[in-house]
Amino acid sequence: MTRENKRNTAIYTAFEDYDGGDVPVPEKGLLRAILLNAIADMNREDEYARKARSYFLSKEDDYIFSFQAVCSYLNINPRHILVLVGLEANPSQPENAAPSQVVTPPDSL
């Protein structure tokens, strides 16, 4: 096959514009879903909220689905999530301000 004929193949065409950036992988999608589900559970008032709180406050980092490991793999600062779910004070928020009751995950996850 000549070089010109190779250019017309599906494989060559598919990778012709490949830029090598951070391509989303299924594993990242799974870890994002775990994190978003735990954030959503914080809005509940039942056993799921208690388990989500325990999940976020755990310092364990050697288990792949632990909060610390998920944040590390996704390149997210765990403190930002803890502020988001109301488990840690926001350094930019005045001390006398009331924390938000409804947790909304950021679009960047």
PDB file of N, CA and C in Angstrom:
ATOM      1  N   MET A   1       0.851  -1.171   0.000  1.00  0.00           N
ATOM      2  CA  MET A   1       0.000   0.000   0.000  1.00  0.00           C
ATOM      3  C   MET A   1       0.898   1.236   0.000  1.00  0.00           C
ATOM      4  N   THR A   2       0.614   2.139  -0.864  1.00  0.00           N
ATOM      5  CA  THR A   2       1.428   3.349  -0.948  1.00  0.00           C
ATOM      6  C   THR A   2       1.068   4.302   0.182  1.00  0.00           C
ATOM      7  N   ARG A   3       1.935   5.248   0.406  1.00  0.00           N
ATOM      8  CA  ARG A   3       1.714   6.240   1.466  1.00  0.00           C
ATOM      9  C   ARG A   3       0.415   7.013   1.228  1.00  0.00           C
ATOM     10  N   GLU A   4       0.117   7.354  -0.008  1.00  0.00           N
ATOM     11  CA  GLU A   4      -1.102   8.098  -0.319  1.00  0.00           C
ATOM     12  C   GLU A   4      -2.343   7.265  -0.012  1.00  0.00           C
ATOM     13  N   ASN A   5      -2.316   5.967  -0.279  1.00  0.00           N
ATOM     14  CA  ASN A   5      -3.455   5.100   0.024  1.00  0.00           C
ATOM     15  C   ASN A   5      -3.647   4.941   1.533  1.00  0.00           C
ATOM     16  N   LYS A   6      -2.553   4.955   2.296  1.00  0.00           N
ATOM     17  CA  LYS A   6      -2.657   4.849   3.753  1.00  0.00           C
ATOM     18  C   LYS A   6      -3.408   6.041   4.335  1.00  0.00           C
ATOM     19  N   ARG A   7      -3.253   7.196   3.738  1.00  0.00           N
ATOM     20  CA  ARG A   7      -3.927   8.398   4.233  1.00  0.00           C
ATOM     21  C   ARG A   7      -5.446   8.287   4.136  1.00  0.00           C
ATOM     22  N   ASN A   8      -5.946   7.445   3.300  1.00  0.00           N
ATOM     23  CA  ASN A   8      -7.387   7.310   3.119  1.00  0.00           C
ATOM     24  C   ASN A   8      -7.994   6.202   3.976  1.00  0.00           C
ATOM     25  N   THR A   9      -7.202   5.553   4.799  1.00  0.00           N
ATOM     26  CA  THR A   9      -7.739   4.504   5.656  1.00  0.00           C
ATOM     27  C   THR A   9      -8.380   5.118   6.889  1.00  0.00           C
ATOM     28  N   ALA A  10      -9.277   4.382   7.506  1.00  0.00           N
ATOM     29  CA  ALA A  10     -10.000   4.881   8.678  1.00  0.00           C
ATOM     30  C   ALA A  10      -9.058   5.144   9.848  1.00  0.00           C
ATOM     31  N   ILE A  11      -8.062   4.272  10.026  1.00  0.00           N
ATOM     32  CA  ILE A  11      -7.147   4.427  11.149  1.00  0.00           C
ATOM     33  C   ILE A  11      -6.329   5.702  10.996  1.00  0.00           C
ATOM     34  N   TYR A  12      -5.813   5.954   9.838  1.00  0.00           N
ATOM     35  CA  TYR A  12      -5.022   7.155   9.626  1.00  0.00           C
ATOM     36  C   TYR A  12      -5.890   8.396   9.837  1.00  0.00           C
ATOM     37  N   THR A  13      -7.092   8.387   9.304  1.00  0.00           N
ATOM     38  CA  THR A  13      -7.997   9.529   9.424  1.00  0.00           C
ATOM     39  C   THR A  13      -8.380   9.777  10.870  1.00  0.00           C
ATOM     40  N   ALA A  14      -8.623   8.712  11.640  1.00  0.00           N
ATOM     41  CA  ALA A  14      -9.045   8.865  13.033  1.00  0.00           C
ATOM     42  C   ALA A  14      -7.973   9.518  13.884  1.00  0.00           C
ATOM     43  N   PHE A  15      -6.717   9.247  13.611  1.00  0.00           N
ATOM     44  CA  PHE A  15      -5.635   9.774  14.435  1.00  0.00           C
ATOM     45  C   PHE A  15      -4.908  10.951  13.790  1.00  0.00           C
ATOM     46  N   GLU A  16      -5.384  11.406  12.676  1.00  0.00           N
ATOM     47  CA  GLU A  16      -4.740  12.501  11.974  1.00  0.00           C
ATOM     48  C   GLU A  16      -4.720  13.785  12.819  1.00  0.00           C
ATOM     49  N   ASP A  17      -5.798  14.030  13.549  1.00  0.00           N
ATOM     50  CA  ASP A  17      -5.904  15.247  14.350  1.00  0.00           C
ATOM     51  C   ASP A  17      -5.625  15.003  15.832  1.00  0.00           C
ATOM     52  N   TYR A  18      -5.052  13.883  16.189  1.00  0.00           N
ATOM     53  CA  TYR A  18      -4.792  13.549  17.584  1.00  0.00           C
ATOM     54  C   TYR A  18      -3.814  14.551  18.174  1.00  0.00           C
ATOM     55  N   ASP A  19      -4.183  15.137  19.322  1.00  0.00           N
ATOM     56  CA  ASP A  19      -3.308  16.128  19.939  1.00  0.00           C
ATOM     57  C   ASP A  19      -2.628  15.624  21.216  1.00  0.00           C
ATOM     58  N   GLY A  20      -3.006  14.460  21.724  1.00  0.00           N
ATOM     59  CA  GLY A  20      -2.329  13.877  22.872  1.00  0.00           C
ATOM     60  C   GLY A  20      -2.634  14.535  24.200  1.00  0.00           C
ATOM     61  N   GLY A  21      -3.720  15.282  24.289  1.00  0.00           N
ATOM     62  CA  GLY A  21      -4.097  15.935  25.537  1.00  0.00           C
ATOM     63  C   GLY A  21      -4.641  14.940  26.551  1.00  0.00           C
ATOM     64  N   ASP A  22      -5.195  15.453  27.619  1.00  0.00           N
ATOM     65  CA  ASP A  22      -5.760  14.612  28.668  1.00  0.00           C
ATOM     66  C   ASP A  22      -7.092  14.046  28.190  1.00  0.00           C
ATOM     67  N   VAL A  23      -7.040  12.853  27.655  1.00  0.00           N
ATOM     68  CA  VAL A  23      -8.231  12.215  27.131  1.00  0.00           C
ATOM     69  C   VAL A  23      -9.014  11.594  28.288  1.00  0.00           C
ATOM     70  N   PRO A  24     -10.318  11.871  28.396  1.00  0.00           N
ATOM     71  CA  PRO A  24     -11.099  11.245  29.462  1.00  0.00           C
ATOM     72  C   PRO A  24     -11.075   9.723  29.307  1.00  0.00           C
ATOM     73  N   VAL A  25     -10.838   9.054  30.392  1.00  0.00           N
ATOM     74  CA  VAL A  25     -10.817   7.595  30.376  1.00  0.00           C
ATOM     75  C   VAL A  25     -11.965   7.082  31.241  1.00  0.00           C
ATOM     76  N   PRO A  26     -12.440   5.879  30.967  1.00  0.00           N
ATOM     77  CA  PRO A  26     -13.561   5.350  31.748  1.00  0.00           C
ATOM     78  C   PRO A  26     -13.307   5.330  33.253  1.00  0.00           C
ATOM     79  N   GLU A  27     -12.064   5.095  33.646  1.00  0.00           N
ATOM     80  CA  GLU A  27     -11.760   5.062  35.074  1.00  0.00           C
ATOM     81  C   GLU A  27     -12.005   6.418  35.728  1.00  0.00           C
ATOM     82  N   LYS A  28     -11.639   7.479  35.037  1.00  0.00           N
ATOM     83  CA  LYS A  28     -11.880   8.822  35.582  1.00  0.00           C
ATOM     84  C   LYS A  28     -13.374   9.082  35.685  1.00  0.00           C
ATOM     85  N   GLY A  29     -14.130   8.624  34.706  1.00  0.00           N
ATOM     86  CA  GLY A  29     -15.582   8.794  34.750  1.00  0.00           C
ATOM     87  C   GLY A  29     -16.187   8.065  35.937  1.00  0.00           C
ATOM     88  N   LEU A  30     -15.692   6.875  36.214  1.00  0.00           N
ATOM     89  CA  LEU A  30     -16.178   6.111  37.361  1.00  0.00           C
ATOM     90  C   LEU A  30     -15.856   6.832  38.660  1.00  0.00           C
ATOM     91  N   LEU A  31     -14.635   7.310  38.803  1.00  0.00           N
ATOM     92  CA  LEU A  31     -14.240   8.004  40.032  1.00  0.00           C
ATOM     93  C   LEU A  31     -15.011   9.308  40.198  1.00  0.00           C
ATOM     94  N   ARG A  32     -15.269  10.012  39.098  1.00  0.00           N
ATOM     95  CA  ARG A  32     -16.099  11.220  39.174  1.00  0.00           C
ATOM     96  C   ARG A  32     -17.498  10.881  39.647  1.00  0.00           C
ATOM     97  N   ALA A  33     -18.058   9.789  39.128  1.00  0.00           N
ATOM     98  CA  ALA A  33     -19.409   9.370  39.514  1.00  0.00           C
ATOM     99  C   ALA A  33     -19.471   9.021  40.999  1.00  0.00           C
ATOM    100  N   ILE A  34     -18.450   8.359  41.506  1.00  0.00           N
ATOM    101  CA  ILE A  34     -18.400   8.023  42.938  1.00  0.00           C
ATOM    102  C   ILE A  34     -18.389   9.297  43.768  1.00  0.00           C
ATOM    103  N   LEU A  35     -17.561  10.250  43.381  1.00  0.00           N
ATOM    104  CA  LEU A  35     -17.459  11.502  44.113  1.00  0.00           C
ATOM    105  C   LEU A  35     -18.769  12.294  44.041  1.00  0.00           C
ATOM    106  N   LEU A  36     -19.361  12.386  42.869  1.00  0.00           N
ATOM    107  CA  LEU A  36     -20.626  13.116  42.712  1.00  0.00           C
ATOM    108  C   LEU A  36     -21.762  12.446  43.477  1.00  0.00           C
ATOM    109  N   ASN A  37     -21.766  11.123  43.520  1.00  0.00           N
ATOM    110  CA  ASN A  37     -22.799  10.404  44.274  1.00  0.00           C
ATOM    111  C   ASN A  37     -22.661  10.675  45.774  1.00  0.00           C
ATOM    112  N   ALA A  38     -21.430  10.695  46.263  1.00  0.00           N
ATOM    113  CA  ALA A  38     -21.209  10.985  47.684  1.00  0.00           C
ATOM    114  C   ALA A  38     -21.608  12.424  48.010  1.00  0.00           C
ATOM    115  N   ILE A  39     -21.342  13.353  47.086  1.00  0.00           N
ATOM    116  CA  ILE A  39     -21.768  14.745  47.284  1.00  0.00           C
ATOM    117  C   ILE A  39     -23.286  14.823  47.333  1.00  0.00           C
ATOM    118  N   ALA A  40     -23.960  14.122  46.439  1.00  0.00           N
ATOM    119  CA  ALA A  40     -25.428  14.119  46.425  1.00  0.00           C
ATOM    120  C   ALA A  40     -25.981  13.498  47.709  1.00  0.00           C
ATOM    121  N   ASP A  41     -25.329  12.473  48.209  1.00  0.00           N
ATOM    122  CA  ASP A  41     -25.783  11.827  49.447  1.00  0.00           C
ATOM    123  C   ASP A  41     -25.706  12.763  50.645  1.00  0.00           C
ATOM    124  N   MET A  42     -24.824  13.751  50.606  1.00  0.00           N
ATOM    125  CA  MET A  42     -24.716  14.705  51.710  1.00  0.00           C
ATOM    126  C   MET A  42     -25.988  15.540  51.858  1.00  0.00           C
ATOM    127  N   ASN A  43     -26.794  15.655  50.802  1.00  0.00           N
ATOM    128  CA  ASN A  43     -28.043  16.427  50.856  1.00  0.00           C
ATOM    129  C   ASN A  43     -29.187  15.639  51.475  1.00  0.00           C
ATOM    130  N   ARG A  44     -28.979  14.367  51.718  1.00  0.00           N
ATOM    131  CA  ARG A  44     -30.027  13.528  52.298  1.00  0.00           C
ATOM    132  C   ARG A  44     -29.984  13.611  53.814  1.00  0.00           C
ATOM    133  N   GLU A  45     -31.009  13.108  54.436  1.00  0.00           N
ATOM    134  CA  GLU A  45     -31.049  13.094  55.903  1.00  0.00           C
ATOM    135  C   GLU A  45     -31.309  11.675  56.395  1.00  0.00           C
ATOM    136  N   ASP A  46     -30.458  10.760  55.986  1.00  0.00           N
ATOM    137  CA  ASP A  46     -30.624   9.369  56.381  1.00  0.00           C
ATOM    138  C   ASP A  46     -29.255   8.701  56.510  1.00  0.00           C
ATOM    139  N   GLU A  47     -29.257   7.403  56.470  1.00  0.00           N
ATOM    140  CA  GLU A  47     -28.034   6.619  56.606  1.00  0.00           C
ATOM    141  C   GLU A  47     -27.014   6.966  55.509  1.00  0.00           C
ATOM    142  N   TYR A  48     -27.495   7.281  54.305  1.00  0.00           N
ATOM    143  CA  TYR A  48     -26.590   7.618  53.200  1.00  0.00           C
ATOM    144  C   TYR A  48     -25.783   8.881  53.506  1.00  0.00           C
ATOM    145  N   ALA A  49     -26.417   9.847  54.139  1.00  0.00           N
ATOM    146  CA  ALA A  49     -25.709  11.083  54.503  1.00  0.00           C
ATOM    147  C   ALA A  49     -24.634  10.786  55.545  1.00  0.00           C
ATOM    148  N   ARG A  50     -24.948   9.926  56.502  1.00  0.00           N
ATOM    149  CA  ARG A  50     -23.962   9.563  57.522  1.00  0.00           C
ATOM    150  C   ARG A  50     -22.765   8.849  56.889  1.00  0.00           C
ATOM    151  N   LYS A  51     -23.051   7.932  55.951  1.00  0.00           N
ATOM    152  CA  LYS A  51     -21.970   7.207  55.283  1.00  0.00           C
ATOM    153  C   LYS A  51     -21.143   8.137  54.394  1.00  0.00           C
ATOM    154  N   ALA A  52     -21.801   9.086  53.736  1.00  0.00           N
ATOM    155  CA  ALA A  52     -21.079  10.043  52.888  1.00  0.00           C
ATOM    156  C   ALA A  52     -20.161  10.904  53.749  1.00  0.00           C
ATOM    157  N   ARG A  53     -20.670  11.335  54.897  1.00  0.00           N
ATOM    158  CA  ARG A  53     -19.861  12.141  55.819  1.00  0.00           C
ATOM    159  C   ARG A  53     -18.627  11.347  56.268  1.00  0.00           C
ATOM    160  N   SER A  54     -18.825  10.094  56.603  1.00  0.00           N
ATOM    161  CA  SER A  54     -17.717   9.227  57.010  1.00  0.00           C
ATOM    162  C   SER A  54     -16.725   9.051  55.856  1.00  0.00           C
ATOM    163  N   TYR A  55     -17.241   8.908  54.642  1.00  0.00           N
ATOM    164  CA  TYR A  55     -16.401   8.759  53.451  1.00  0.00           C
ATOM    165  C   TYR A  55     -15.504   9.985  53.272  1.00  0.00           C
ATOM    166  N   PHE A  56     -16.102  11.170  53.366  1.00  0.00           N
ATOM    167  CA  PHE A  56     -15.337  12.401  53.168  1.00  0.00           C
ATOM    168  C   PHE A  56     -14.315  12.647  54.269  1.00  0.00           C
ATOM    169  N   LEU A  57     -14.610  12.258  55.486  1.00  0.00           N
ATOM    170  CA  LEU A  57     -13.713  12.522  56.601  1.00  0.00           C
ATOM    171  C   LEU A  57     -12.638  11.456  56.794  1.00  0.00           C
ATOM    172  N   SER A  58     -12.737  10.360  56.060  1.00  0.00           N
ATOM    173  CA  SER A  58     -11.747   9.294  56.160  1.00  0.00           C
ATOM    174  C   SER A  58     -10.395   9.763  55.628  1.00  0.00           C
ATOM    175  N   LYS A  59      -9.343   9.427  56.339  1.00  0.00           N
ATOM    176  CA  LYS A  59      -7.984   9.785  55.915  1.00  0.00           C
ATOM    177  C   LYS A  59      -7.316   8.654  55.132  1.00  0.00           C
ATOM    178  N   GLU A  60      -8.030   7.555  54.946  1.00  0.00           N
ATOM    179  CA  GLU A  60      -7.487   6.408  54.217  1.00  0.00           C
ATOM    180  C   GLU A  60      -7.152   6.825  52.784  1.00  0.00           C
ATOM    181  N   ASP A  61      -5.987   6.400  52.302  1.00  0.00           N
ATOM    182  CA  ASP A  61      -5.619   6.759  50.938  1.00  0.00           C
ATOM    183  C   ASP A  61      -5.057   5.594  50.122  1.00  0.00           C
ATOM    184  N   ASP A  62      -5.009   4.407  50.721  1.00  0.00           N
ATOM    185  CA  ASP A  62      -4.456   3.275  49.989  1.00  0.00           C
ATOM    186  C   ASP A  62      -5.523   2.451  49.260  1.00  0.00           C
ATOM    187  N   TYR A  63      -6.784   2.716  49.497  1.00  0.00           N
ATOM    188  CA  TYR A  63      -7.871   2.039  48.803  1.00  0.00           C
ATOM    189  C   TYR A  63      -8.268   2.895  47.604  1.00  0.00           C
ATOM    190  N   ILE A  64      -8.352   2.326  46.402  1.00  0.00           N
ATOM    191  CA  ILE A  64      -8.543   3.099  45.178  1.00  0.00           C
ATOM    192  C   ILE A  64      -9.805   3.964  45.189  1.00  0.00           C
ATOM    193  N   PHE A  65     -10.863   3.523  45.895  1.00  0.00           N
ATOM    194  CA  PHE A  65     -12.104   4.287  45.900  1.00  0.00           C
ATOM    195  C   PHE A  65     -12.255   5.158  47.145  1.00  0.00           C
ATOM    196  N   SER A  66     -11.198   5.273  47.957  1.00  0.00           N
ATOM    197  CA  SER A  66     -11.272   6.155  49.119  1.00  0.00           C
ATOM    198  C   SER A  66     -11.303   7.604  48.635  1.00  0.00           C
ATOM    199  N   PHE A  67     -11.844   8.481  49.454  1.00  0.00           N
ATOM    200  CA  PHE A  67     -11.973   9.887  49.083  1.00  0.00           C
ATOM    201  C   PHE A  67     -10.618  10.490  48.726  1.00  0.00           C
ATOM    202  N   GLN A  68      -9.615  10.237  49.555  1.00  0.00           N
ATOM    203  CA  GLN A  68      -8.286  10.804  49.314  1.00  0.00           C
ATOM    204  C   GLN A  68      -7.698  10.287  47.996  1.00  0.00           C
ATOM    205  N   ALA A  69      -7.849   8.996  47.714  1.00  0.00           N
ATOM    206  CA  ALA A  69      -7.312   8.419  46.485  1.00  0.00           C
ATOM    207  C   ALA A  69      -8.053   8.942  45.254  1.00  0.00           C
ATOM    208  N   VAL A  70      -9.374   9.075  45.353  1.00  0.00           N
ATOM    209  CA  VAL A  70     -10.161   9.590  44.230  1.00  0.00           C
ATOM    210  C   VAL A  70      -9.729  11.019  43.909  1.00  0.00           C
ATOM    211  N   CYS A  71      -9.592  11.841  44.937  1.00  0.00           N
ATOM    212  CA  CYS A  71      -9.157  13.225  44.721  1.00  0.00           C
ATOM    213  C   CYS A  71      -7.760  13.272  44.106  1.00  0.00           C
ATOM    214  N   SER A  72      -6.880  12.422  44.585  1.00  0.00           N
ATOM    215  CA  SER A  72      -5.525  12.381  44.058  1.00  0.00           C
ATOM    216  C   SER A  72      -5.531  11.996  42.576  1.00  0.00           C
ATOM    217  N   TYR A  73      -6.275  10.966  42.225  1.00  0.00           N
ATOM    218  CA  TYR A  73      -6.310  10.501  40.844  1.00  0.00           C
ATOM    219  C   TYR A  73      -6.927  11.554  39.923  1.00  0.00           C
ATOM    220  N   LEU A  74      -7.954  12.262  40.404  1.00  0.00           N
ATOM    221  CA  LEU A  74      -8.628  13.273  39.584  1.00  0.00           C
ATOM    222  C   LEU A  74      -7.953  14.644  39.664  1.00  0.00           C
ATOM    223  N   ASN A  75      -6.869  14.743  40.423  1.00  0.00           N
ATOM    224  CA  ASN A  75      -6.156  16.011  40.591  1.00  0.00           C
ATOM    225  C   ASN A  75      -7.044  17.094  41.192  1.00  0.00           C
ATOM    226  N   ILE A  76      -7.773  16.736  42.235  1.00  0.00           N
ATOM    227  CA  ILE A  76      -8.665  17.650  42.937  1.00  0.00           C
ATOM    228  C   ILE A  76      -8.137  17.818  44.357  1.00  0.00           C
ATOM    229  N   ASN A  77      -8.157  19.040  44.838  1.00  0.00           N
ATOM    230  CA  ASN A  77      -7.761  19.304  46.217  1.00  0.00           C
ATOM    231  C   ASN A  77      -8.902  18.829  47.126  1.00  0.00           C
ATOM    232  N   PRO A  78      -8.667  17.859  48.004  1.00  0.00           N
ATOM    233  CA  PRO A  78      -9.734  17.348  48.879  1.00  0.00           C
ATOM    234  C   PRO A  78     -10.361  18.434  49.752  1.00  0.00           C
ATOM    235  N   ARG A  79      -9.596  19.429  50.136  1.00  0.00           N
ATOM    236  CA  ARG A  79     -10.144  20.517  50.971  1.00  0.00           C
ATOM    237  C   ARG A  79     -11.239  21.269  50.238  1.00  0.00           C
ATOM    238  N   HIS A  80     -11.110  21.430  48.921  1.00  0.00           N
ATOM    239  CA  HIS A  80     -12.150  22.122  48.157  1.00  0.00           C
ATOM    240  C   HIS A  80     -13.465  21.355  48.225  1.00  0.00           C
ATOM    241  N   ILE A  81     -13.399  20.046  48.145  1.00  0.00           N
ATOM    242  CA  ILE A  81     -14.611  19.233  48.232  1.00  0.00           C
ATOM    243  C   ILE A  81     -15.186  19.305  49.641  1.00  0.00           C
ATOM    244  N   LEU A  82     -14.323  19.250  50.649  1.00  0.00           N
ATOM    245  CA  LEU A  82     -14.798  19.328  52.031  1.00  0.00           C
ATOM    246  C   LEU A  82     -15.479  20.665  52.313  1.00  0.00           C
ATOM    247  N   VAL A  83     -14.981  21.738  51.732  1.00  0.00           N
ATOM    248  CA  VAL A  83     -15.638  23.042  51.859  1.00  0.00           C
ATOM    249  C   VAL A  83     -16.975  23.001  51.127  1.00  0.00           C
ATOM    250  N   LEU A  84     -16.985  22.423  49.947  1.00  0.00           N
ATOM    251  CA  LEU A  84     -18.197  22.334  49.141  1.00  0.00           C
ATOM    252  C   LEU A  84     -19.325  21.606  49.869  1.00  0.00           C
ATOM    253  N   VAL A  85     -19.001  20.509  50.547  1.00  0.00           N
ATOM    254  CA  VAL A  85     -20.034  19.733  51.238  1.00  0.00           C
ATOM    255  C   VAL A  85     -20.290  20.220  52.658  1.00  0.00           C
ATOM    256  N   GLY A  86     -19.569  21.248  53.085  1.00  0.00           N
ATOM    257  CA  GLY A  86     -19.823  21.840  54.386  1.00  0.00           C
ATOM    258  C   GLY A  86     -19.142  21.150  55.550  1.00  0.00           C
ATOM    259  N   LEU A  87     -18.120  20.369  55.283  1.00  0.00           N
ATOM    260  CA  LEU A  87     -17.411  19.673  56.352  1.00  0.00           C
ATOM    261  C   LEU A  87     -16.147  20.411  56.784  1.00  0.00           C
ATOM    262  N   GLU A  88     -15.837  21.491  56.109  1.00  0.00           N
ATOM    263  CA  GLU A  88     -14.684  22.302  56.457  1.00  0.00           C
ATOM    264  C   GLU A  88     -15.038  23.760  56.163  1.00  0.00           C
ATOM    265  N   ALA A  89     -14.524  24.650  56.983  1.00  0.00           N
ATOM    266  CA  ALA A  89     -14.822  26.068  56.807  1.00  0.00           C
ATOM    267  C   ALA A  89     -14.160  26.607  55.548  1.00  0.00           C
ATOM    268  N   ASN A  90     -14.871  27.477  54.868  1.00  0.00           N
ATOM    269  CA  ASN A  90     -14.343  28.127  53.680  1.00  0.00           C
ATOM    270  C   ASN A  90     -13.493  29.309  54.128  1.00  0.00           C
ATOM    271  N   PRO A  91     -12.212  29.319  53.799  1.00  0.00           N
ATOM    272  CA  PRO A  91     -11.358  30.400  54.265  1.00  0.00           C
ATOM    273  C   PRO A  91     -11.760  31.765  53.703  1.00  0.00           C
ATOM    274  N   SER A  92     -12.453  31.803  52.574  1.00  0.00           N
ATOM    275  CA  SER A  92     -12.846  33.081  51.982  1.00  0.00           C
ATOM    276  C   SER A  92     -14.219  33.553  52.466  1.00  0.00           C
ATOM    277  N   GLN A  93     -14.919  32.716  53.244  1.00  0.00           N
ATOM    278  CA  GLN A  93     -16.251  33.073  53.739  1.00  0.00           C
ATOM    279  C   GLN A  93     -16.130  33.630  55.160  1.00  0.00           C
ATOM    280  N   PRO A  94     -16.823  34.735  55.445  1.00  0.00           N
ATOM    281  CA  PRO A  94     -16.769  35.274  56.806  1.00  0.00           C
ATOM    282  C   PRO A  94     -17.266  34.252  57.820  1.00  0.00           C
ATOM    283  N   GLU A  95     -16.707  34.283  59.028  1.00  0.00           N
ATOM    284  CA  GLU A  95     -17.049  33.298  60.056  1.00  0.00           C
ATOM    285  C   GLU A  95     -18.505  33.346  60.469  1.00  0.00           C
ATOM    286  N   ASN A  96     -19.136  34.520  60.419  1.00  0.00           N
ATOM    287  CA  ASN A  96     -20.523  34.627  60.858  1.00  0.00           C
ATOM    288  C   ASN A  96     -21.534  34.319  59.759  1.00  0.00           C
ATOM    289  N   ALA A  97     -21.074  34.025  58.539  1.00  0.00           N
ATOM    290  CA  ALA A  97     -21.990  33.702  57.443  1.00  0.00           C
ATOM    291  C   ALA A  97     -22.535  32.297  57.625  1.00  0.00           C
ATOM    292  N   ALA A  98     -23.815  32.124  57.318  1.00  0.00           N
ATOM    293  CA  ALA A  98     -24.453  30.811  57.445  1.00  0.00           C
ATOM    294  C   ALA A  98     -24.026  29.929  56.280  1.00  0.00           C
ATOM    295  N   PRO A  99     -23.641  28.673  56.546  1.00  0.00           N
ATOM    296  CA  PRO A  99     -23.258  27.771  55.453  1.00  0.00           C
ATOM    297  C   PRO A  99     -24.478  27.388  54.625  1.00  0.00           C
ATOM    298  N   SER A 100     -24.239  27.123  53.378  1.00  0.00           N
ATOM    299  CA  SER A 100     -25.314  26.716  52.480  1.00  0.00           C
ATOM    300  C   SER A 100     -25.807  25.326  52.854  1.00  0.00           C
ATOM    301  N   GLN A 101     -27.107  25.106  52.809  1.00  0.00           N
ATOM    302  CA  GLN A 101     -27.683  23.808  53.151  1.00  0.00           C
ATOM    303  C   GLN A 101     -27.665  22.841  51.982  1.00  0.00           C
ATOM    304  N   VAL A 102     -27.800  23.346  50.777  1.00  0.00           N
ATOM    305  CA  VAL A 102     -27.841  22.487  49.607  1.00  0.00           C
ATOM    306  C   VAL A 102     -26.468  22.477  48.954  1.00  0.00           C
ATOM    307  N   VAL A 103     -25.953  21.292  48.739  1.00  0.00           N
ATOM    308  CA  VAL A 103     -24.632  21.133  48.143  1.00  0.00           C
ATOM    309  C   VAL A 103     -24.798  20.933  46.660  1.00  0.00           C
ATOM    310  N   THR A 104     -24.129  21.752  45.875  1.00  0.00           N
ATOM    311  CA  THR A 104     -24.178  21.639  44.432  1.00  0.00           C
ATOM    312  C   THR A 104     -22.773  21.353  43.926  1.00  0.00           C
ATOM    313  N   PRO A 105     -22.576  20.216  43.247  1.00  0.00           N
ATOM    314  CA  PRO A 105     -21.245  19.890  42.773  1.00  0.00           C
ATOM    315  C   PRO A 105     -20.807  20.851  41.671  1.00  0.00           C
ATOM    316  N   PRO A 106     -19.521  21.151  41.585  1.00  0.00           N
ATOM    317  CA  PRO A 106     -19.044  22.034  40.529  1.00  0.00           C
ATOM    318  C   PRO A 106     -19.117  21.343  39.173  1.00  0.00           C
ATOM    319  N   ASP A 107     -19.229  22.129  38.110  1.00  0.00           N
ATOM    320  CA  ASP A 107     -19.300  21.588  36.756  1.00  0.00           C
ATOM    321  C   ASP A 107     -17.970  20.992  36.315  1.00  0.00           C
ATOM    322  N   SER A 108     -16.902  21.360  36.989  1.00  0.00           N
ATOM    323  CA  SER A 108     -15.580  20.909  36.572  1.00  0.00           C
ATOM    324  C   SER A 108     -15.263  19.472  36.935  1.00  0.00           C
ATOM    325  N   LEU A 109     -16.116  18.810  37.692  1.00  0.00           N
ATOM    326  CA  LEU A 109     -15.829  17.413  38.036  1.00  0.00           C
ATOM    327  C   LEU A 109     -16.031  16.570  36.882  1.00  0.00           C
TER     328      LEU A 109
END
